């Protein structure tokens, strides 16, 4: 049975975000207007995609607290409806990386029980439908370099650096 999808805009210090949720929880955080993500939700979850900012108030409050440095862990429920298989398993492992700490793509692959799947762990980061809340910004390359962020969108590495700095992470080697 299809469920409605609710969305709202959020003006974050890293740029505008589009938040989307179902009754089960937060399903997506998209950079910018989120049009592609809302289309995907319409195709895969429900054709009923409704702008209902009040339905996303708990998420927006937690994001406000996070960006103000007053929240280290998100408590809003998550709906993993936009991810399956290995990617979901890897993204759930990413969700467990503590605030202010980092892991490598190899660490994420190992956490899934598939230590040889380092490249697939990178793909799971790149396709994470719930960035910031599912902190793929905390995943670095094995050599300590920053890797990519936000599907390699323009400005993505600056956003990753901003989020890591917000959490007090000191990067030893920063290679774009």
C-alpha atoms as a PDB file:
ATOM      1  CA  UNK A   1       0.000   0.000   0.000  1.00  0.00           C
ATOM      2  CA  UNK A   2       1.394   3.373  -1.011  1.00  0.00           C
ATOM      3  CA  UNK A   3       1.975   5.973   1.634  1.00  0.00           C
ATOM      4  CA  UNK A   4       2.081   9.729   1.171  1.00  0.00           C
ATOM      5  CA  UNK A   5       5.448  11.455   0.920  1.00  0.00           C
ATOM      6  CA  UNK A   6       5.821  14.803   2.638  1.00  0.00           C
ATOM      7  CA  UNK A   7       8.536  17.310   1.880  1.00  0.00           C
ATOM      8  CA  UNK A   8       9.847  20.660   3.056  1.00  0.00           C
ATOM      9  CA  UNK A   9      12.684  23.008   2.244  1.00  0.00           C
ATOM     10  CA  UNK A  10      15.403  23.738   4.783  1.00  0.00           C
ATOM     11  CA  UNK A  11      17.932  26.574   4.610  1.00  0.00           C
ATOM     12  CA  UNK A  12      21.118  25.052   6.003  1.00  0.00           C
ATOM     13  CA  UNK A  13      24.501  26.729   6.474  1.00  0.00           C
ATOM     14  CA  UNK A  14      25.768  24.400   3.725  1.00  0.00           C
ATOM     15  CA  UNK A  15      23.045  25.525   1.290  1.00  0.00           C
ATOM     16  CA  UNK A  16      19.385  24.741   0.690  1.00  0.00           C
ATOM     17  CA  UNK A  17      18.190  21.223   1.417  1.00  0.00           C
ATOM     18  CA  UNK A  18      14.979  19.422   0.551  1.00  0.00           C
ATOM     19  CA  UNK A  19      13.751  17.023   3.214  1.00  0.00           C
ATOM     20  CA  UNK A  20      11.299  14.213   2.455  1.00  0.00           C
ATOM     21  CA  UNK A  21       9.583  11.746   4.758  1.00  0.00           C
ATOM     22  CA  UNK A  22       6.949   9.062   4.848  1.00  0.00           C
ATOM     23  CA  UNK A  23       4.906   7.982   7.848  1.00  0.00           C
ATOM     24  CA  UNK A  24       7.793   5.606   8.628  1.00  0.00           C
ATOM     25  CA  UNK A  25      10.416   8.345   8.857  1.00  0.00           C
ATOM     26  CA  UNK A  26      12.898  10.560   7.048  1.00  0.00           C
ATOM     27  CA  UNK A  27      13.471   9.099   3.571  1.00  0.00           C
ATOM     28  CA  UNK A  28      15.638  11.714   1.884  1.00  0.00           C
ATOM     29  CA  UNK A  29      17.784  14.783   2.338  1.00  0.00           C
ATOM     30  CA  UNK A  30      18.589  16.335  -1.032  1.00  0.00           C
ATOM     31  CA  UNK A  31      20.865  19.235  -1.837  1.00  0.00           C
ATOM     32  CA  UNK A  32      19.098  22.103  -3.593  1.00  0.00           C
ATOM     33  CA  UNK A  33      15.538  21.869  -4.831  1.00  0.00           C
ATOM     34  CA  UNK A  34      15.504  18.079  -4.604  1.00  0.00           C
ATOM     35  CA  UNK A  35      13.466  17.729  -7.806  1.00  0.00           C
ATOM     36  CA  UNK A  36      15.148  14.484  -8.878  1.00  0.00           C
ATOM     37  CA  UNK A  37      14.732  12.986  -5.405  1.00  0.00           C
ATOM     38  CA  UNK A  38      11.067  13.983  -5.211  1.00  0.00           C
ATOM     39  CA  UNK A  39      10.531  12.431  -8.666  1.00  0.00           C
ATOM     40  CA  UNK A  40      12.212   9.232  -7.501  1.00  0.00           C
ATOM     41  CA  UNK A  41      10.015   9.127  -4.389  1.00  0.00           C
ATOM     42  CA  UNK A  42       6.965   9.654  -6.585  1.00  0.00           C
ATOM     43  CA  UNK A  43       7.963   6.706  -8.792  1.00  0.00           C
ATOM     44  CA  UNK A  44       9.166   4.316  -6.102  1.00  0.00           C
ATOM     45  CA  UNK A  45       7.120   5.128  -3.008  1.00  0.00           C
ATOM     46  CA  UNK A  46       3.952   7.083  -3.768  1.00  0.00           C
ATOM     47  CA  UNK A  47       2.595   9.402  -6.432  1.00  0.00           C
ATOM     48  CA  UNK A  48       1.304  11.535  -3.546  1.00  0.00           C
ATOM     49  CA  UNK A  49       4.255  13.876  -2.849  1.00  0.00           C
ATOM     50  CA  UNK A  50       2.957  16.781  -0.799  1.00  0.00           C
ATOM     51  CA  UNK A  51       4.666  19.914   0.477  1.00  0.00           C
ATOM     52  CA  UNK A  52       3.938  19.754   4.215  1.00  0.00           C
ATOM     53  CA  UNK A  53       6.650  21.629   6.152  1.00  0.00           C
ATOM     54  CA  UNK A  54       4.983  20.934   9.495  1.00  0.00           C
ATOM     55  CA  UNK A  55       5.470  17.183   8.957  1.00  0.00           C
ATOM     56  CA  UNK A  56       9.236  17.781   8.797  1.00  0.00           C
ATOM     57  CA  UNK A  57       9.442  20.077  11.850  1.00  0.00           C
ATOM     58  CA  UNK A  58      11.163  17.440  14.046  1.00  0.00           C
ATOM     59  CA  UNK A  59      13.849  16.924  11.383  1.00  0.00           C
ATOM     60  CA  UNK A  60      14.312  20.663  10.910  1.00  0.00           C
ATOM     61  CA  UNK A  61      14.662  21.164  14.685  1.00  0.00           C
ATOM     62  CA  UNK A  62      17.323  18.461  14.903  1.00  0.00           C
ATOM     63  CA  UNK A  63      19.181  19.940  11.923  1.00  0.00           C
ATOM     64  CA  UNK A  64      19.039  23.392  13.565  1.00  0.00           C
ATOM     65  CA  UNK A  65      20.569  21.878  16.715  1.00  0.00           C
ATOM     66  CA  UNK A  66      23.210  19.981  14.723  1.00  0.00           C
ATOM     67  CA  UNK A  67      24.327  23.032  12.755  1.00  0.00           C
ATOM     68  CA  UNK A  68      24.400  25.075  15.993  1.00  0.00           C
ATOM     69  CA  UNK A  69      26.731  22.466  17.546  1.00  0.00           C
ATOM     70  CA  UNK A  70      24.140  21.312  20.098  1.00  0.00           C
ATOM     71  CA  UNK A  71      23.276  17.883  18.638  1.00  0.00           C
ATOM     72  CA  UNK A  72      25.644  14.985  18.089  1.00  0.00           C
ATOM     73  CA  UNK A  73      23.139  12.272  17.142  1.00  0.00           C
ATOM     74  CA  UNK A  74      19.900  12.403  15.220  1.00  0.00           C
ATOM     75  CA  UNK A  75      16.901  10.676  16.768  1.00  0.00           C
ATOM     76  CA  UNK A  76      14.325  11.037  13.994  1.00  0.00           C
ATOM     77  CA  UNK A  77      13.199   7.696  12.564  1.00  0.00           C
ATOM     78  CA  UNK A  78      14.566   6.806   9.137  1.00  0.00           C
ATOM     79  CA  UNK A  79      12.770   5.201   6.203  1.00  0.00           C
ATOM     80  CA  UNK A  80      15.290   3.306   4.066  1.00  0.00           C
ATOM     81  CA  UNK A  81      12.821   3.055   1.138  1.00  0.00           C
ATOM     82  CA  UNK A  82      15.255   4.506  -1.434  1.00  0.00           C
ATOM     83  CA  UNK A  83      18.016   1.983  -0.866  1.00  0.00           C
ATOM     84  CA  UNK A  84      18.316  -1.799  -0.911  1.00  0.00           C
ATOM     85  CA  UNK A  85      20.786  -4.647  -0.609  1.00  0.00           C
ATOM     86  CA  UNK A  86      24.450  -3.937   0.008  1.00  0.00           C
ATOM     87  CA  UNK A  87      23.950  -0.179  -0.269  1.00  0.00           C
ATOM     88  CA  UNK A  88      21.358  -0.215   2.519  1.00  0.00           C
ATOM     89  CA  UNK A  89      23.589  -2.369   4.719  1.00  0.00           C
ATOM     90  CA  UNK A  90      26.535  -0.036   4.103  1.00  0.00           C
ATOM     91  CA  UNK A  91      24.424   3.083   4.719  1.00  0.00           C
ATOM     92  CA  UNK A  92      23.158   1.607   7.974  1.00  0.00           C
ATOM     93  CA  UNK A  93      26.811   1.023   8.982  1.00  0.00           C
ATOM     94  CA  UNK A  94      27.565   4.647   8.075  1.00  0.00           C
ATOM     95  CA  UNK A  95      24.675   5.748  10.305  1.00  0.00           C
ATOM     96  CA  UNK A  96      26.534   4.204  13.266  1.00  0.00           C
ATOM     97  CA  UNK A  97      29.732   6.281  12.856  1.00  0.00           C
ATOM     98  CA  UNK A  98      29.837   8.498  15.962  1.00  0.00           C
ATOM     99  CA  UNK A  99      29.863  12.283  15.798  1.00  0.00           C
ATOM    100  CA  UNK A 100      33.346  13.708  15.421  1.00  0.00           C
ATOM    101  CA  UNK A 101      34.835  10.404  14.279  1.00  0.00           C
ATOM    102  CA  UNK A 102      35.643   9.076  10.832  1.00  0.00           C
ATOM    103  CA  UNK A 103      35.801   5.692   9.155  1.00  0.00           C
ATOM    104  CA  UNK A 104      37.226   4.564   5.845  1.00  0.00           C
ATOM    105  CA  UNK A 105      35.465   3.014   2.885  1.00  0.00           C
ATOM    106  CA  UNK A 106      37.295  -0.204   3.856  1.00  0.00           C
ATOM    107  CA  UNK A 107      35.886   0.057   7.398  1.00  0.00           C
ATOM    108  CA  UNK A 108      32.366   0.341   5.969  1.00  0.00           C
ATOM    109  CA  UNK A 109      32.927  -2.647   3.670  1.00  0.00           C
ATOM    110  CA  UNK A 110      34.181  -4.681   6.647  1.00  0.00           C
ATOM    111  CA  UNK A 111      31.168  -3.607   8.745  1.00  0.00           C
ATOM    112  CA  UNK A 112      28.889  -5.114   6.093  1.00  0.00           C
ATOM    113  CA  UNK A 113      30.693  -8.449   6.315  1.00  0.00           C
ATOM    114  CA  UNK A 114      32.182  -7.962   2.832  1.00  0.00           C
ATOM    115  CA  UNK A 115      35.693  -6.608   3.446  1.00  0.00           C
ATOM    116  CA  UNK A 116      36.573  -6.732  -0.256  1.00  0.00           C
ATOM    117  CA  UNK A 117      33.702  -4.419  -1.206  1.00  0.00           C
ATOM    118  CA  UNK A 118      35.536  -1.136  -0.668  1.00  0.00           C
ATOM    119  CA  UNK A 119      34.492   0.348  -4.021  1.00  0.00           C
ATOM    120  CA  UNK A 120      30.890  -0.687  -3.407  1.00  0.00           C
ATOM    121  CA  UNK A 121      31.085   1.054  -0.011  1.00  0.00           C
ATOM    122  CA  UNK A 122      32.151   4.195  -1.877  1.00  0.00           C
ATOM    123  CA  UNK A 123      29.131   3.840  -4.146  1.00  0.00           C
ATOM    124  CA  UNK A 124      26.905   3.455  -1.095  1.00  0.00           C
ATOM    125  CA  UNK A 125      28.281   6.748   0.216  1.00  0.00           C
ATOM    126  CA  UNK A 126      27.796   8.486  -3.128  1.00  0.00           C
ATOM    127  CA  UNK A 127      24.190   7.278  -3.391  1.00  0.00           C
ATOM    128  CA  UNK A 128      23.222   7.850   0.255  1.00  0.00           C
ATOM    129  CA  UNK A 129      19.664   9.237   0.099  1.00  0.00           C
ATOM    130  CA  UNK A 130      19.868  10.751   3.600  1.00  0.00           C
ATOM    131  CA  UNK A 131      23.159  12.714   3.767  1.00  0.00           C
ATOM    132  CA  UNK A 132      24.043  14.735   6.860  1.00  0.00           C
ATOM    133  CA  UNK A 133      21.651  12.642   9.001  1.00  0.00           C
ATOM    134  CA  UNK A 134      23.273   9.431   7.717  1.00  0.00           C
ATOM    135  CA  UNK A 135      26.769  10.898   7.975  1.00  0.00           C
ATOM    136  CA  UNK A 136      28.560   9.795   4.819  1.00  0.00           C
ATOM    137  CA  UNK A 137      30.688  12.927   5.289  1.00  0.00           C
ATOM    138  CA  UNK A 138      32.455  10.946   8.041  1.00  0.00           C
ATOM    139  CA  UNK A 139      33.815   8.415   5.533  1.00  0.00           C
ATOM    140  CA  UNK A 140      37.330   9.004   4.169  1.00  0.00           C
ATOM    141  CA  UNK A 141      39.738   7.159   1.920  1.00  0.00           C
ATOM    142  CA  UNK A 142      42.114   4.691   3.541  1.00  0.00           C
ATOM    143  CA  UNK A 143      45.027   7.096   3.060  1.00  0.00           C
ATOM    144  CA  UNK A 144      43.202   9.735   5.115  1.00  0.00           C
ATOM    145  CA  UNK A 145      42.291  11.904   2.148  1.00  0.00           C
ATOM    146  CA  UNK A 146      38.814  13.325   1.970  1.00  0.00           C
ATOM    147  CA  UNK A 147      37.397  11.365  -0.988  1.00  0.00           C
ATOM    148  CA  UNK A 148      34.210  12.674  -2.584  1.00  0.00           C
ATOM    149  CA  UNK A 149      30.902  13.970  -1.307  1.00  0.00           C
ATOM    150  CA  UNK A 150      27.339  14.564  -2.428  1.00  0.00           C
ATOM    151  CA  UNK A 151      27.692  12.526  -5.595  1.00  0.00           C
ATOM    152  CA  UNK A 152      30.634  14.750  -6.517  1.00  0.00           C
ATOM    153  CA  UNK A 153      28.337  17.740  -7.077  1.00  0.00           C
ATOM    154  CA  UNK A 154      30.074  21.116  -7.419  1.00  0.00           C
ATOM    155  CA  UNK A 155      30.978  22.355  -3.951  1.00  0.00           C
ATOM    156  CA  UNK A 156      30.521  18.902  -2.439  1.00  0.00           C
ATOM    157  CA  UNK A 157      34.025  18.716  -0.993  1.00  0.00           C
ATOM    158  CA  UNK A 158      33.597  22.135   0.642  1.00  0.00           C
ATOM    159  CA  UNK A 159      30.382  20.877   2.235  1.00  0.00           C
ATOM    160  CA  UNK A 160      32.162  17.748   3.492  1.00  0.00           C
ATOM    161  CA  UNK A 161      34.986  19.848   4.953  1.00  0.00           C
ATOM    162  CA  UNK A 162      32.433  22.173   6.610  1.00  0.00           C
ATOM    163  CA  UNK A 163      30.570  19.262   8.234  1.00  0.00           C
ATOM    164  CA  UNK A 164      33.776  17.629   9.450  1.00  0.00           C
ATOM    165  CA  UNK A 165      35.040  20.943  10.862  1.00  0.00           C
ATOM    166  CA  UNK A 166      31.672  21.486  12.582  1.00  0.00           C
ATOM    167  CA  UNK A 167      32.202  18.136  14.313  1.00  0.00           C
ATOM    168  CA  UNK A 168      35.784  19.004  15.267  1.00  0.00           C
ATOM    169  CA  UNK A 169      37.448  16.553  12.893  1.00  0.00           C
ATOM    170  CA  UNK A 170      41.006  17.615  12.044  1.00  0.00           C
ATOM    171  CA  UNK A 171      41.988  16.361   8.619  1.00  0.00           C
ATOM    172  CA  UNK A 172      45.645  15.415   8.447  1.00  0.00           C
ATOM    173  CA  UNK A 173      45.779  15.271   4.684  1.00  0.00           C
ATOM    174  CA  UNK A 174      43.283  17.122   2.548  1.00  0.00           C
ATOM    175  CA  UNK A 175      43.407  16.091  -1.085  1.00  0.00           C
ATOM    176  CA  UNK A 176      40.495  17.190  -3.281  1.00  0.00           C
END
